[in-house]
């Protein structure tokens, strides 16, 4: 990887950026209204509901991970940054030269192509800004809505990885995942190129293409 992922990415309708502790109320609102929607797919939902103070501490940790270069969580916001629409991130789970994209969308924002747009833009950023060789996406096999996204964007389904994802509930078994992958030279023929973005570094300078 040649560069740390951008701290901020803008599209025509979304802001995808590194969290700040001040985002805690927006994150709490997004999750509180989406708990039942997210429960089948997101193991971290077991910790909900959290207090606002707990959300502040969570986001302090997210910002620290980003600054230290160990993990890169993003919030997805409307252009005015008054509403959180979901979350995403780049996660270093696949070895050198690769990152994994993860995403979730709030219940009242589904059906608007947000996850597809975010995954497409992050794919471009991963190759064009970060210099990655490979990007992965893992999806729980029963999550049909999420399964459609990497396939739509030109990712290749590598196979089913057994018992790779965290348990869906405390004491439960680990869950299978469907692994999708794109390598650098496949971007030029990918539908991801239809999604434009502008990326910025930690001090607000424009970076990338």
Protein backbone atom coordinates (compact mmCIF):
# COMPACT_ATOMS: atom_id res chain seq x y z
CA UNK A 1 0.00 0.00 0.00
CA UNK A 2 1.46 3.33 -1.08
CA UNK A 3 -0.74 5.69 0.93
CA UNK A 4 -3.02 5.88 3.94
CA UNK A 5 -6.67 5.89 2.82
CA UNK A 6 -8.20 9.35 2.50
CA UNK A 7 -9.67 10.92 5.59
CA UNK A 8 -12.55 12.28 3.52
CA UNK A 9 -14.22 11.19 0.27
CA UNK A 10 -17.00 13.14 -1.43
CA UNK A 11 -19.38 12.05 -4.16
CA UNK A 12 -22.26 13.95 -5.71
CA UNK A 13 -24.52 13.10 -2.79
CA UNK A 14 -22.43 11.55 0.00
CA UNK A 15 -19.62 12.35 2.40
CA UNK A 16 -17.60 9.29 3.45
CA UNK A 17 -15.10 10.27 6.12
CA UNK A 18 -13.08 9.39 9.16
CA UNK A 19 -15.10 9.63 12.36
CA UNK A 20 -14.72 12.35 14.97
CA UNK A 21 -16.02 12.01 18.56
CA UNK A 22 -18.51 14.80 17.77
CA UNK A 23 -20.26 12.36 15.40
CA UNK A 24 -21.49 10.28 18.34
CA UNK A 25 -25.09 11.62 18.33
CA UNK A 26 -25.46 10.98 14.59
CA UNK A 27 -24.03 7.46 14.88
CA UNK A 28 -26.25 6.65 17.84
CA UNK A 29 -29.35 7.89 16.01
CA UNK A 30 -28.50 5.85 12.90
CA UNK A 31 -27.92 2.65 14.85
CA UNK A 32 -30.82 3.09 17.27
CA UNK A 33 -33.28 3.32 14.39
CA UNK A 34 -31.66 0.38 12.58
CA UNK A 35 -31.04 -2.22 15.30
CA UNK A 36 -33.50 -4.82 14.06
CA UNK A 37 -32.49 -4.22 10.44
CA UNK A 38 -28.81 -4.80 11.25
CA UNK A 39 -29.18 -7.57 13.83
CA UNK A 40 -29.01 -10.53 11.40
CA UNK A 41 -25.77 -9.32 9.76
CA UNK A 42 -23.66 -7.20 12.10
CA UNK A 43 -22.20 -8.98 15.16
CA UNK A 44 -21.35 -5.66 16.83
CA UNK A 45 -25.08 -4.97 17.16
CA UNK A 46 -24.99 -7.25 20.22
CA UNK A 47 -23.48 -4.33 22.15
CA UNK A 48 -26.49 -2.12 21.42
CA UNK A 49 -28.05 -0.02 22.71
CA UNK A 50 -25.06 2.03 23.81
CA UNK A 51 -25.16 5.32 25.64
CA UNK A 52 -23.97 8.51 24.02
CA UNK A 53 -20.86 8.44 26.22
CA UNK A 54 -20.09 4.91 25.02
CA UNK A 55 -20.44 6.08 21.42
CA UNK A 56 -18.00 8.93 22.09
CA UNK A 57 -15.44 6.46 23.40
CA UNK A 58 -16.05 4.15 20.43
CA UNK A 59 -15.40 6.98 17.98
CA UNK A 60 -12.30 8.09 19.85
CA UNK A 61 -11.01 4.58 19.27
CA UNK A 62 -11.98 4.65 15.58
CA UNK A 63 -10.16 7.95 15.10
CA UNK A 64 -7.11 6.55 16.88
CA UNK A 65 -7.02 3.48 14.65
CA UNK A 66 -7.21 5.69 11.57
CA UNK A 67 -4.42 7.99 12.75
CA UNK A 68 -2.21 5.02 13.66
CA UNK A 69 -2.87 3.32 10.32
CA UNK A 70 -4.19 0.09 11.83
CA UNK A 71 -7.81 0.22 10.63
CA UNK A 72 -9.85 2.74 8.64
CA UNK A 73 -13.52 3.08 9.69
CA UNK A 74 -15.71 5.62 7.88
CA UNK A 75 -19.08 7.18 8.54
CA UNK A 76 -21.38 7.74 5.57
CA UNK A 77 -23.23 11.08 5.75
CA UNK A 78 -25.45 13.26 3.60
CA UNK A 79 -23.69 16.22 1.98
CA UNK A 80 -24.69 18.55 4.80
CA UNK A 81 -23.35 16.03 7.34
CA UNK A 82 -26.53 16.36 9.36
CA UNK A 83 -27.59 12.70 9.03
CA UNK A 84 -25.59 9.50 9.15
CA UNK A 85 -26.71 7.10 6.44
CA UNK A 86 -24.44 4.17 7.30
CA UNK A 87 -20.88 3.13 7.88
CA UNK A 88 -18.06 1.60 5.89
CA UNK A 89 -14.34 1.14 6.06
CA UNK A 90 -11.09 -0.29 4.79
CA UNK A 91 -9.92 -3.18 6.97
CA UNK A 92 -6.44 -4.83 6.79
CA UNK A 93 -7.56 -8.45 6.94
CA UNK A 94 -6.12 -9.94 3.78
CA UNK A 95 -2.37 -9.45 3.99
CA UNK A 96 0.10 -7.07 2.39
CA UNK A 97 -1.11 -5.01 -0.56
CA UNK A 98 -4.79 -5.53 0.17
CA UNK A 99 -7.65 -4.10 2.17
CA UNK A 100 -11.18 -5.34 2.74
CA UNK A 101 -14.23 -3.12 2.26
CA UNK A 102 -17.09 -3.42 4.71
CA UNK A 103 -20.37 -1.48 4.74
CA UNK A 104 -23.74 -1.11 6.44
CA UNK A 105 -26.67 1.18 5.66
CA UNK A 106 -29.26 2.60 8.05
CA UNK A 107 -32.76 1.18 7.71
CA UNK A 108 -34.26 4.37 6.28
CA UNK A 109 -31.51 4.70 3.67
CA UNK A 110 -31.74 1.27 2.04
CA UNK A 111 -32.92 0.94 -1.55
CA UNK A 112 -31.14 4.13 -2.67
CA UNK A 113 -27.94 2.55 -4.02
CA UNK A 114 -25.84 3.96 -1.19
CA UNK A 115 -23.91 0.78 -0.40
CA UNK A 116 -23.21 0.21 -4.10
CA UNK A 117 -21.94 3.77 -4.53
CA UNK A 118 -19.77 3.59 -1.41
CA UNK A 119 -18.27 0.22 -2.39
CA UNK A 120 -17.59 1.46 -5.93
CA UNK A 121 -15.92 4.67 -4.79
CA UNK A 122 -13.85 2.90 -2.14
CA UNK A 123 -12.75 0.38 -4.75
CA UNK A 124 -11.49 3.21 -6.94
CA UNK A 125 -9.82 4.89 -3.98
CA UNK A 126 -8.16 1.65 -2.94
CA UNK A 127 -6.49 1.21 -6.31
CA UNK A 128 -6.07 4.81 -7.46
CA UNK A 129 -5.08 6.49 -4.19
CA UNK A 130 -3.78 3.72 -1.93
CA UNK A 131 -2.00 1.68 -4.61
CA UNK A 132 -3.53 -1.62 -3.55
CA UNK A 133 -3.03 -4.83 -5.49
CA UNK A 134 -6.22 -6.49 -4.27
CA UNK A 135 -9.50 -5.53 -2.59
CA UNK A 136 -11.77 -8.02 -0.85
CA UNK A 137 -15.42 -7.93 0.22
CA UNK A 138 -16.87 -10.61 2.52
CA UNK A 139 -20.63 -11.14 2.77
CA UNK A 140 -22.73 -13.46 4.90
CA UNK A 141 -24.29 -16.02 2.48
CA UNK A 142 -27.89 -15.24 3.50
CA UNK A 143 -27.51 -11.50 2.95
CA UNK A 144 -28.89 -11.32 -0.58
CA UNK A 145 -28.95 -7.53 -0.76
CA UNK A 146 -25.25 -7.26 0.09
CA UNK A 147 -24.27 -10.23 -2.08
CA UNK A 148 -25.53 -8.39 -5.15
CA UNK A 149 -23.21 -5.40 -4.67
CA UNK A 150 -19.72 -6.81 -5.39
CA UNK A 151 -21.08 -8.90 -8.24
CA UNK A 152 -22.66 -5.78 -9.77
CA UNK A 153 -19.35 -3.91 -9.51
CA UNK A 154 -17.25 -6.53 -11.28
CA UNK A 155 -15.78 -8.40 -8.32
CA UNK A 156 -15.06 -12.11 -8.74
CA UNK A 157 -16.62 -14.55 -6.30
CA UNK A 158 -13.72 -16.62 -5.00
CA UNK A 159 -15.76 -19.06 -2.93
CA UNK A 160 -17.37 -19.71 0.42
CA UNK A 161 -15.10 -19.49 3.45
CA UNK A 162 -16.41 -21.65 6.25
CA UNK A 163 -16.70 -20.28 9.78
CA UNK A 164 -14.77 -17.07 9.00
CA UNK A 165 -17.14 -14.39 10.32
CA UNK A 166 -17.78 -13.61 13.97
CA UNK A 167 -20.80 -15.28 15.61
CA UNK A 168 -24.09 -13.54 15.03
CA UNK A 169 -24.91 -13.80 18.73
CA UNK A 170 -23.04 -14.53 21.92
CA UNK A 171 -22.16 -18.21 22.21
CA UNK A 172 -23.22 -18.96 18.64
CA UNK A 173 -21.11 -20.54 15.91
CA UNK A 174 -18.88 -18.54 13.61
CA UNK A 175 -20.60 -17.82 10.30
CA UNK A 176 -19.63 -18.64 6.73
CA UNK A 177 -18.70 -15.85 4.34
CA UNK A 178 -18.74 -15.42 0.58
CA UNK A 179 -15.45 -13.87 -0.52
CA UNK A 180 -15.38 -11.47 -3.47
CA UNK A 181 -12.12 -10.07 -4.84
CA UNK A 182 -10.96 -7.53 -7.40
CA UNK A 183 -7.32 -7.14 -8.44
CA UNK A 184 -5.77 -3.93 -9.70
CA UNK A 185 -5.83 -4.60 -13.45
CA UNK A 186 -9.55 -5.42 -13.35
CA UNK A 187 -10.54 -1.89 -12.32
CA UNK A 188 -10.32 -0.51 -15.86
CA UNK A 189 -13.20 -2.73 -16.97
CA UNK A 190 -15.22 -2.38 -13.78
CA UNK A 191 -18.54 -0.52 -13.42
CA UNK A 192 -16.86 1.22 -10.45
CA UNK A 193 -15.45 3.77 -12.89
CA UNK A 194 -18.94 5.20 -13.38
CA UNK A 195 -18.85 6.56 -9.81
CA UNK A 196 -16.93 9.82 -9.43
CA UNK A 197 -15.30 11.02 -6.22
CA UNK A 198 -12.96 13.59 -4.72
CA UNK A 199 -10.61 12.51 -1.91
CA UNK A 200 -8.82 14.54 0.77
CA UNK A 201 -6.01 13.84 3.20
CA UNK A 202 -5.93 14.57 6.96
CA UNK A 203 -5.30 18.30 6.49
CA UNK A 204 -7.88 18.73 3.73
CA UNK A 205 -5.63 18.63 0.68
CA UNK A 206 -7.10 16.99 -2.40
CA UNK A 207 -5.37 13.72 -3.28
CA UNK A 208 -5.58 11.05 -5.98
CA UNK A 209 -6.98 11.35 -9.49
